[in-house]
PDB file of N, CA and C in Angstrom:
ATOM      1  N   MET A   1       4.082  -0.872  -7.154  1.00  0.00           N
ATOM      2  CA  MET A   1       3.903   0.547  -6.974  1.00  0.00           C
ATOM      3  C   MET A   1       3.165   0.827  -5.664  1.00  0.00           C
ATOM      4  N   LYS A   2       2.112   0.038  -5.396  1.00  0.00           N
ATOM      5  CA  LYS A   2       1.344   0.228  -4.171  1.00  0.00           C
ATOM      6  C   LYS A   2       2.228   0.036  -2.952  1.00  0.00           C
ATOM      7  N   ALA A   3       3.072  -0.987  -3.008  1.00  0.00           N
ATOM      8  CA  ALA A   3       3.951  -1.264  -1.871  1.00  0.00           C
ATOM      9  C   ALA A   3       4.954  -0.138  -1.676  1.00  0.00           C
ATOM     10  N   ALA A   4       5.448   0.445  -2.770  1.00  0.00           N
ATOM     11  CA  ALA A   4       6.411   1.535  -2.665  1.00  0.00           C
ATOM     12  C   ALA A   4       5.789   2.763  -2.027  1.00  0.00           C
ATOM     13  N   ILE A   5       4.558   3.093  -2.424  1.00  0.00           N
ATOM     14  CA  ILE A   5       3.876   4.250  -1.839  1.00  0.00           C
ATOM     15  C   ILE A   5       3.600   4.001  -0.368  1.00  0.00           C
ATOM     16  N   LEU A   6       3.111   2.805  -0.037  1.00  0.00           N
ATOM     17  CA  LEU A   6       2.831   2.479   1.361  1.00  0.00           C
ATOM     18  C   LEU A   6       4.111   2.515   2.182  1.00  0.00           C
ATOM     19  N   ALA A   7       5.204   1.965   1.665  1.00  0.00           N
ATOM     20  CA  ALA A   7       6.478   1.973   2.393  1.00  0.00           C
ATOM     21  C   ALA A   7       6.947   3.399   2.628  1.00  0.00           C
ATOM     22  N   LEU A   8       6.793   4.261   1.627  1.00  0.00           N
ATOM     23  CA  LEU A   8       7.177   5.660   1.775  1.00  0.00           C
ATOM     24  C   LEU A   8       6.338   6.349   2.829  1.00  0.00           C
ATOM     25  N   VAL A   9       5.024   6.154   2.780  1.00  0.00           N
ATOM     26  CA  VAL A   9       4.128   6.800   3.740  1.00  0.00           C
ATOM     27  C   VAL A   9       4.401   6.301   5.153  1.00  0.00           C
ATOM     28  N   ILE A  10       4.545   4.985   5.319  1.00  0.00           N
ATOM     29  CA  ILE A  10       4.805   4.443   6.650  1.00  0.00           C
ATOM     30  C   ILE A  10       6.173   4.892   7.145  1.00  0.00           C
ATOM     31  N   GLY A  11       7.170   4.903   6.274  1.00  0.00           N
ATOM     32  CA  GLY A  11       8.506   5.343   6.664  1.00  0.00           C
ATOM     33  C   GLY A  11       8.519   6.794   7.103  1.00  0.00           C
ATOM     34  N   ILE A  12       7.782   7.630   6.400  1.00  0.00           N
ATOM     35  CA  ILE A  12       7.712   9.047   6.749  1.00  0.00           C
ATOM     36  C   ILE A  12       6.960   9.247   8.058  1.00  0.00           C
ATOM     37  N   SER A  13       5.881   8.487   8.248  1.00  0.00           N
ATOM     38  CA  SER A  13       5.030   8.712   9.412  1.00  0.00           C
ATOM     39  C   SER A  13       5.576   8.082  10.680  1.00  0.00           C
ATOM     40  N   GLY A  14       6.512   7.140  10.559  1.00  0.00           N
ATOM     41  CA  GLY A  14       7.018   6.452  11.733  1.00  0.00           C
ATOM     42  C   GLY A  14       5.980   5.513  12.324  1.00  0.00           C
ATOM     43  N   ALA A  15       5.064   5.021  11.483  1.00  0.00           N
ATOM     44  CA  ALA A  15       3.993   4.159  11.955  1.00  0.00           C
ATOM     45  C   ALA A  15       4.543   2.849  12.504  1.00  0.00           C
ATOM     46  N   THR A  16       3.816   2.282  13.441  1.00  0.00           N
ATOM     47  CA  THR A  16       4.190   0.986  13.998  1.00  0.00           C
ATOM     48  C   THR A  16       3.468  -0.117  13.241  1.00  0.00           C
ATOM     49  N   ALA A  17       3.773  -1.354  13.556  1.00  0.00           N
ATOM     50  CA  ALA A  17       3.154  -2.487  12.871  1.00  0.00           C
ATOM     51  C   ALA A  17       1.635  -2.437  13.028  1.00  0.00           C
ATOM     52  N   PRO A  18       0.909  -2.720  11.951  1.00  0.00           N
ATOM     53  CA  PRO A  18      -0.555  -2.680  12.017  1.00  0.00           C
ATOM     54  C   PRO A  18      -1.120  -3.884  12.766  1.00  0.00           C
ATOM     55  N   SER A  19      -2.337  -3.736  13.256  1.00  0.00           N
ATOM     56  CA  SER A  19      -3.048  -4.856  13.851  1.00  0.00           C
ATOM     57  C   SER A  19      -3.406  -5.825  12.725  1.00  0.00           C
ATOM     58  N   PRO A  20      -3.763  -7.072  13.040  1.00  0.00           N
ATOM     59  CA  PRO A  20      -4.145  -8.008  11.969  1.00  0.00           C
ATOM     60  C   PRO A  20      -5.271  -7.484  11.089  1.00  0.00           C
ATOM     61  N   LYS A  21      -6.246  -6.805  11.679  1.00  0.00           N
ATOM     62  CA  LYS A  21      -7.355  -6.260  10.889  1.00  0.00           C
ATOM     63  C   LYS A  21      -6.851  -5.163   9.952  1.00  0.00           C
ATOM     64  N   GLN A  22      -5.979  -4.280  10.447  1.00  0.00           N
ATOM     65  CA  GLN A  22      -5.441  -3.209   9.613  1.00  0.00           C
ATOM     66  C   GLN A  22      -4.558  -3.762   8.506  1.00  0.00           C
ATOM     67  N   ALA A  23      -3.851  -4.860   8.765  1.00  0.00           N
ATOM     68  CA  ALA A  23      -2.931  -5.430   7.789  1.00  0.00           C
ATOM     69  C   ALA A  23      -3.668  -5.938   6.555  1.00  0.00           C
ATOM     70  N   MET A  24      -4.964  -6.183   6.663  1.00  0.00           N
ATOM     71  CA  MET A  24      -5.748  -6.697   5.547  1.00  0.00           C
ATOM     72  C   MET A  24      -6.079  -5.615   4.527  1.00  0.00           C
ATOM     73  N   SER A  25      -5.881  -4.356   4.866  1.00  0.00           N
ATOM     74  CA  SER A  25      -6.257  -3.269   3.974  1.00  0.00           C
ATOM     75  C   SER A  25      -5.260  -2.119   4.075  1.00  0.00           C
ATOM     76  N   ILE A  26      -5.027  -1.480   2.954  1.00  0.00           N
ATOM     77  CA  ILE A  26      -4.172  -0.302   2.938  1.00  0.00           C
ATOM     78  C   ILE A  26      -4.985   0.950   3.277  1.00  0.00           C
ATOM     79  N   ASP A  27      -6.309   0.826   3.258  1.00  0.00           N
ATOM     80  CA  ASP A  27      -7.188   1.963   3.509  1.00  0.00           C
ATOM     81  C   ASP A  27      -6.831   2.638   4.826  1.00  0.00           C
ATOM     82  N   GLY A  28      -6.741   3.958   4.785  1.00  0.00           N
ATOM     83  CA  GLY A  28      -6.501   4.669   6.026  1.00  0.00           C
ATOM     84  C   GLY A  28      -5.913   6.042   5.820  1.00  0.00           C
ATOM     85  N   ARG A  29      -5.729   6.700   6.930  1.00  0.00           N
ATOM     86  CA  ARG A  29      -5.168   8.054   6.972  1.00  0.00           C
ATOM     87  C   ARG A  29      -3.745   7.936   7.497  1.00  0.00           C
ATOM     88  N   TYR A  30      -2.801   8.472   6.747  1.00  0.00           N
ATOM     89  CA  TYR A  30      -1.393   8.394   7.089  1.00  0.00           C
ATOM     90  C   TYR A  30      -0.863   9.808   7.319  1.00  0.00           C
ATOM     91  N   CYS A  31      -0.323  10.047   8.500  1.00  0.00           N
ATOM     92  CA  CYS A  31       0.205  11.366   8.852  1.00  0.00           C
ATOM     93  C   CYS A  31       1.722  11.284   8.906  1.00  0.00           C
ATOM     94  N   GLY A  32       2.371  12.289   8.396  1.00  0.00           N
ATOM     95  CA  GLY A  32       3.830  12.298   8.391  1.00  0.00           C
ATOM     96  C   GLY A  32       4.363  13.661   8.023  1.00  0.00           C
ATOM     97  N   ARG A  33       5.565  13.657   7.499  1.00  0.00           N
ATOM     98  CA  ARG A  33       6.218  14.904   7.091  1.00  0.00           C
ATOM     99  C   ARG A  33       6.853  14.712   5.727  1.00  0.00           C
ATOM    100  N   LEU A  34       6.978  15.812   4.985  1.00  0.00           N
ATOM    101  CA  LEU A  34       7.676  15.784   3.706  1.00  0.00           C
ATOM    102  C   LEU A  34       8.396  17.099   3.493  1.00  0.00           C
ATOM    103  N   TRP A  35       9.349  17.077   2.564  1.00  0.00           N
ATOM    104  CA  TRP A  35      10.092  18.295   2.245  1.00  0.00           C
ATOM    105  C   TRP A  35       9.317  19.093   1.213  1.00  0.00           C
ATOM    106  N   SER A  36       9.099  20.384   1.490  1.00  0.00           N
ATOM    107  CA  SER A  36       8.433  21.283   0.570  1.00  0.00           C
ATOM    108  C   SER A  36       9.152  22.622   0.597  1.00  0.00           C
ATOM    109  N   ASN A  37       9.690  23.029  -0.531  1.00  0.00           N
ATOM    110  CA  ASN A  37      10.411  24.300  -0.633  1.00  0.00           C
ATOM    111  C   ASN A  37      11.514  24.424   0.416  1.00  0.00           C
ATOM    112  N   GLY A  38      12.224  23.319   0.688  1.00  0.00           N
ATOM    113  CA  GLY A  38      13.334  23.347   1.627  1.00  0.00           C
ATOM    114  C   GLY A  38      12.948  23.227   3.091  1.00  0.00           C
ATOM    115  N   ASP A  39      11.657  23.054   3.377  1.00  0.00           N
ATOM    116  CA  ASP A  39      11.190  22.923   4.761  1.00  0.00           C
ATOM    117  C   ASP A  39      10.559  21.556   4.965  1.00  0.00           C
ATOM    118  N   LEU A  40      10.706  21.017   6.172  1.00  0.00           N
ATOM    119  CA  LEU A  40      10.034  19.785   6.553  1.00  0.00           C
ATOM    120  C   LEU A  40       8.659  20.171   7.088  1.00  0.00           C
ATOM    121  N   VAL A  41       7.585  19.740   6.400  1.00  0.00           N
ATOM    122  CA  VAL A  41       6.230  20.159   6.754  1.00  0.00           C
ATOM    123  C   VAL A  41       5.345  18.946   7.039  1.00  0.00           C
ATOM    124  N   GLU A  42       4.277  19.164   7.802  1.00  0.00           N
ATOM    125  CA  GLU A  42       3.326  18.095   8.098  1.00  0.00           C
ATOM    126  C   GLU A  42       2.510  17.775   6.851  1.00  0.00           C
ATOM    127  N   ALA A  43       2.228  16.475   6.680  1.00  0.00           N
ATOM    128  CA  ALA A  43       1.449  16.023   5.521  1.00  0.00           C
ATOM    129  C   ALA A  43       0.455  14.959   5.961  1.00  0.00           C
ATOM    130  N   ILE A  44      -0.687  14.941   5.298  1.00  0.00           N
ATOM    131  CA  ILE A  44      -1.717  13.927   5.542  1.00  0.00           C
ATOM    132  C   ILE A  44      -2.048  13.293   4.190  1.00  0.00           C
ATOM    133  N   THR A  45      -1.990  11.970   4.140  1.00  0.00           N
ATOM    134  CA  THR A  45      -2.355  11.230   2.943  1.00  0.00           C
ATOM    135  C   THR A  45      -3.436  10.228   3.328  1.00  0.00           C
ATOM    136  N   VAL A  46      -4.520  10.200   2.575  1.00  0.00           N
ATOM    137  CA  VAL A  46      -5.601   9.249   2.810  1.00  0.00           C
ATOM    138  C   VAL A  46      -5.633   8.310   1.604  1.00  0.00           C
ATOM    139  N   LEU A  47      -5.458   7.004   1.846  1.00  0.00           N
ATOM    140  CA  LEU A  47      -5.402   6.014   0.779  1.00  0.00           C
ATOM    141  C   LEU A  47      -6.542   5.016   0.896  1.00  0.00           C
ATOM    142  N   SER A  48      -6.991   4.509  -0.257  1.00  0.00           N
ATOM    143  CA  SER A  48      -7.986   3.438  -0.270  1.00  0.00           C
ATOM    144  C   SER A  48      -7.840   2.666  -1.572  1.00  0.00           C
ATOM    145  N   LEU A  49      -8.390   1.464  -1.576  1.00  0.00           N
ATOM    146  CA  LEU A  49      -8.410   0.637  -2.778  1.00  0.00           C
ATOM    147  C   LEU A  49      -9.797   0.687  -3.393  1.00  0.00           C
ATOM    148  N   THR A  50      -9.848   0.782  -4.716  1.00  0.00           N
ATOM    149  CA  THR A  50     -11.129   0.749  -5.414  1.00  0.00           C
ATOM    150  C   THR A  50     -11.586  -0.702  -5.530  1.00  0.00           C
ATOM    151  N   GLY A  51     -12.792  -0.900  -5.983  1.00  0.00           N
ATOM    152  CA  GLY A  51     -13.337  -2.240  -6.137  1.00  0.00           C
ATOM    153  C   GLY A  51     -12.520  -3.118  -7.069  1.00  0.00           C
ATOM    154  N   ASP A  52     -11.838  -2.499  -8.052  1.00  0.00           N
ATOM    155  CA  ASP A  52     -11.019  -3.289  -8.975  1.00  0.00           C
ATOM    156  C   ASP A  52      -9.558  -3.360  -8.543  1.00  0.00           C
ATOM    157  N   GLY A  53      -9.279  -2.937  -7.301  1.00  0.00           N
ATOM    158  CA  GLY A  53      -7.934  -3.100  -6.746  1.00  0.00           C
ATOM    159  C   GLY A  53      -6.958  -1.975  -7.014  1.00  0.00           C
ATOM    160  N   ARG A  54      -7.430  -0.879  -7.587  1.00  0.00           N
ATOM    161  CA  ARG A  54      -6.527   0.251  -7.838  1.00  0.00           C
ATOM    162  C   ARG A  54      -6.408   1.128  -6.596  1.00  0.00           C
ATOM    163  N   LEU A  55      -5.262   1.733  -6.412  1.00  0.00           N
ATOM    164  CA  LEU A  55      -4.991   2.615  -5.284  1.00  0.00           C
ATOM    165  C   LEU A  55      -5.437   4.033  -5.624  1.00  0.00           C
ATOM    166  N   THR A  56      -6.190   4.655  -4.709  1.00  0.00           N
ATOM    167  CA  THR A  56      -6.598   6.049  -4.873  1.00  0.00           C
ATOM    168  C   THR A  56      -6.392   6.767  -3.553  1.00  0.00           C
ATOM    169  N   GLY A  57      -6.395   8.084  -3.601  1.00  0.00           N
ATOM    170  CA  GLY A  57      -6.254   8.808  -2.360  1.00  0.00           C
ATOM    171  C   GLY A  57      -6.191  10.302  -2.550  1.00  0.00           C
ATOM    172  N   THR A  58      -5.992  10.980  -1.447  1.00  0.00           N
ATOM    173  CA  THR A  58      -5.826  12.429  -1.430  1.00  0.00           C
ATOM    174  C   THR A  58      -4.634  12.761  -0.548  1.00  0.00           C
ATOM    175  N   TYR A  59      -4.088  13.941  -0.747  1.00  0.00           N
ATOM    176  CA  TYR A  59      -3.005  14.398   0.121  1.00  0.00           C
ATOM    177  C   TYR A  59      -3.182  15.883   0.399  1.00  0.00           C
ATOM    178  N   GLU A  60      -2.585  16.311   1.509  1.00  0.00           N
ATOM    179  CA  GLU A  60      -2.628  17.712   1.913  1.00  0.00           C
ATOM    180  C   GLU A  60      -1.368  17.993   2.722  1.00  0.00           C
ATOM    181  N   PHE A  61      -0.721  19.136   2.440  1.00  0.00           N
ATOM    182  CA  PHE A  61       0.449  19.513   3.225  1.00  0.00           C
ATOM    183  C   PHE A  61       0.591  21.028   3.283  1.00  0.00           C
ATOM    184  N   ALA A  62       1.292  21.482   4.325  1.00  0.00           N
ATOM    185  CA  ALA A  62       1.541  22.907   4.499  1.00  0.00           C
ATOM    186  C   ALA A  62       2.448  23.383   3.372  1.00  0.00           C
ATOM    187  N   ASP A  63       2.135  24.544   2.810  1.00  0.00           N
ATOM    188  CA  ASP A  63       2.902  25.089   1.692  1.00  0.00           C
ATOM    189  C   ASP A  63       3.013  26.600   1.888  1.00  0.00           C
ATOM    190  N   GLY A  64       4.049  27.012   2.588  1.00  0.00           N
ATOM    191  CA  GLY A  64       4.179  28.427   2.926  1.00  0.00           C
ATOM    192  C   GLY A  64       3.087  28.819   3.892  1.00  0.00           C
ATOM    193  N   ASP A  65       2.321  29.850   3.533  1.00  0.00           N
ATOM    194  CA  ASP A  65       1.216  30.298   4.382  1.00  0.00           C
ATOM    195  C   ASP A  65      -0.093  29.572   4.065  1.00  0.00           C
ATOM    196  N   GLY A  66      -0.079  28.697   3.071  1.00  0.00           N
ATOM    197  CA  GLY A  66      -1.304  28.004   2.667  1.00  0.00           C
ATOM    198  C   GLY A  66      -1.169  26.497   2.774  1.00  0.00           C
ATOM    199  N   ARG A  67      -2.047  25.796   2.076  1.00  0.00           N
ATOM    200  CA  ARG A  67      -2.050  24.333   2.045  1.00  0.00           C
ATOM    201  C   ARG A  67      -2.141  23.890   0.591  1.00  0.00           C
ATOM    202  N   SER A  68      -1.404  22.866   0.256  1.00  0.00           N
ATOM    203  CA  SER A  68      -1.505  22.245  -1.070  1.00  0.00           C
ATOM    204  C   SER A  68      -2.256  20.941  -0.931  1.00  0.00           C
ATOM    205  N   THR A  69      -3.178  20.688  -1.847  1.00  0.00           N
ATOM    206  CA  THR A  69      -3.960  19.462  -1.821  1.00  0.00           C
ATOM    207  C   THR A  69      -3.950  18.832  -3.203  1.00  0.00           C
ATOM    208  N   GLY A  70      -4.248  17.550  -3.246  1.00  0.00           N
ATOM    209  CA  GLY A  70      -4.312  16.873  -4.533  1.00  0.00           C
ATOM    210  C   GLY A  70      -4.878  15.480  -4.385  1.00  0.00           C
ATOM    211  N   THR A  71      -4.967  14.789  -5.516  1.00  0.00           N
ATOM    212  CA  THR A  71      -5.477  13.428  -5.524  1.00  0.00           C
ATOM    213  C   THR A  71      -4.444  12.504  -6.142  1.00  0.00           C
ATOM    214  N   LEU A  72      -4.521  11.240  -5.766  1.00  0.00           N
ATOM    215  CA  LEU A  72      -3.678  10.189  -6.327  1.00  0.00           C
ATOM    216  C   LEU A  72      -4.617   9.140  -6.913  1.00  0.00           C
ATOM    217  N   THR A  73      -4.394   8.768  -8.170  1.00  0.00           N
ATOM    218  CA  THR A  73      -5.221   7.759  -8.798  1.00  0.00           C
ATOM    219  C   THR A  73      -4.341   6.847  -9.631  1.00  0.00           C
ATOM    220  N   GLU A  74      -4.351   5.569  -9.307  1.00  0.00           N
ATOM    221  CA  GLU A  74      -3.578   4.598 -10.072  1.00  0.00           C
ATOM    222  C   GLU A  74      -4.302   4.301 -11.371  1.00  0.00           C
ATOM    223  N   ASP A  75      -3.537   4.204 -12.466  1.00  0.00           N
ATOM    224  CA  ASP A  75      -4.123   3.847 -13.752  1.00  0.00           C
ATOM    225  C   ASP A  75      -4.716   2.447 -13.687  1.00  0.00           C
ATOM    226  N   PRO A  76      -5.629   2.138 -14.599  1.00  0.00           N
ATOM    227  CA  PRO A  76      -6.155   0.774 -14.655  1.00  0.00           C
ATOM    228  C   PRO A  76      -5.020  -0.230 -14.836  1.00  0.00           C
ATOM    229  N   PRO A  77      -5.230  -1.476 -14.429  1.00  0.00           N
ATOM    230  CA  PRO A  77      -4.184  -2.495 -14.572  1.00  0.00           C
ATOM    231  C   PRO A  77      -3.613  -2.511 -15.986  1.00  0.00           C
ATOM    232  N   GLY A  78      -2.298  -2.658 -16.072  1.00  0.00           N
ATOM    233  CA  GLY A  78      -1.621  -2.699 -17.361  1.00  0.00           C
ATOM    234  C   GLY A  78      -1.032  -1.371 -17.783  1.00  0.00           C
ATOM    235  N   LYS A  79      -1.463  -0.266 -17.169  1.00  0.00           N
ATOM    236  CA  LYS A  79      -0.932   1.047 -17.525  1.00  0.00           C
ATOM    237  C   LYS A  79       0.384   1.320 -16.801  1.00  0.00           C
ATOM    238  N   GLY A  80       0.510   0.845 -15.540  1.00  0.00           N
ATOM    239  CA  GLY A  80       1.773   0.894 -14.819  1.00  0.00           C
ATOM    240  C   GLY A  80       2.225   2.233 -14.300  1.00  0.00           C
ATOM    241  N   SER A  81       1.341   3.189 -14.097  1.00  0.00           N
ATOM    242  CA  SER A  81       1.760   4.475 -13.565  1.00  0.00           C
ATOM    243  C   SER A  81       0.707   5.007 -12.602  1.00  0.00           C
ATOM    244  N   VAL A  82       1.064   6.063 -11.906  1.00  0.00           N
ATOM    245  CA  VAL A  82       0.140   6.728 -10.995  1.00  0.00           C
ATOM    246  C   VAL A  82      -0.038   8.155 -11.490  1.00  0.00           C
ATOM    247  N   TYR A  83      -1.272   8.595 -11.590  1.00  0.00           N
ATOM    248  CA  TYR A  83      -1.581   9.962 -12.007  1.00  0.00           C
ATOM    249  C   TYR A  83      -1.742  10.829 -10.768  1.00  0.00           C
ATOM    250  N   ILE A  84      -1.038  11.936 -10.725  1.00  0.00           N
ATOM    251  CA  ILE A  84      -1.121  12.847  -9.577  1.00  0.00           C
ATOM    252  C   ILE A  84      -1.698  14.160 -10.070  1.00  0.00           C
ATOM    253  N   GLU A  85      -2.773  14.588  -9.431  1.00  0.00           N
ATOM    254  CA  GLU A  85      -3.420  15.844  -9.783  1.00  0.00           C
ATOM    255  C   GLU A  85      -3.260  16.808  -8.612  1.00  0.00           C
ATOM    256  N   ARG A  86      -2.772  18.003  -8.892  1.00  0.00           N
ATOM    257  CA  ARG A  86      -2.596  19.001  -7.851  1.00  0.00           C
ATOM    258  C   ARG A  86      -3.584  20.133  -8.074  1.00  0.00           C
ATOM    259  N   PHE A  87      -4.265  20.512  -7.008  1.00  0.00           N
ATOM    260  CA  PHE A  87      -5.261  21.586  -7.107  1.00  0.00           C
ATOM    261  C   PHE A  87      -4.631  22.919  -6.848  1.00  0.00           C
TER     262      PHE A  87
END
């Protein structure tokens, strides 16, 4: 799941290969674009790993005249899903 999210974020952002130091961690700010209400809009996703290896983060993107924000939190090991909360 972590690899799929990272592949999606990197694919959207057009990021280049990371430096060796960056390759050791998924932590970081990823900028890209996504489709929202039929429009391609700018998006920012910030990802990090918790001490027990779970993926967490926040996202923000343009949504009409405003901004939509939310959090991403991976369930504890064995649950197999990602919980997405939208504010």
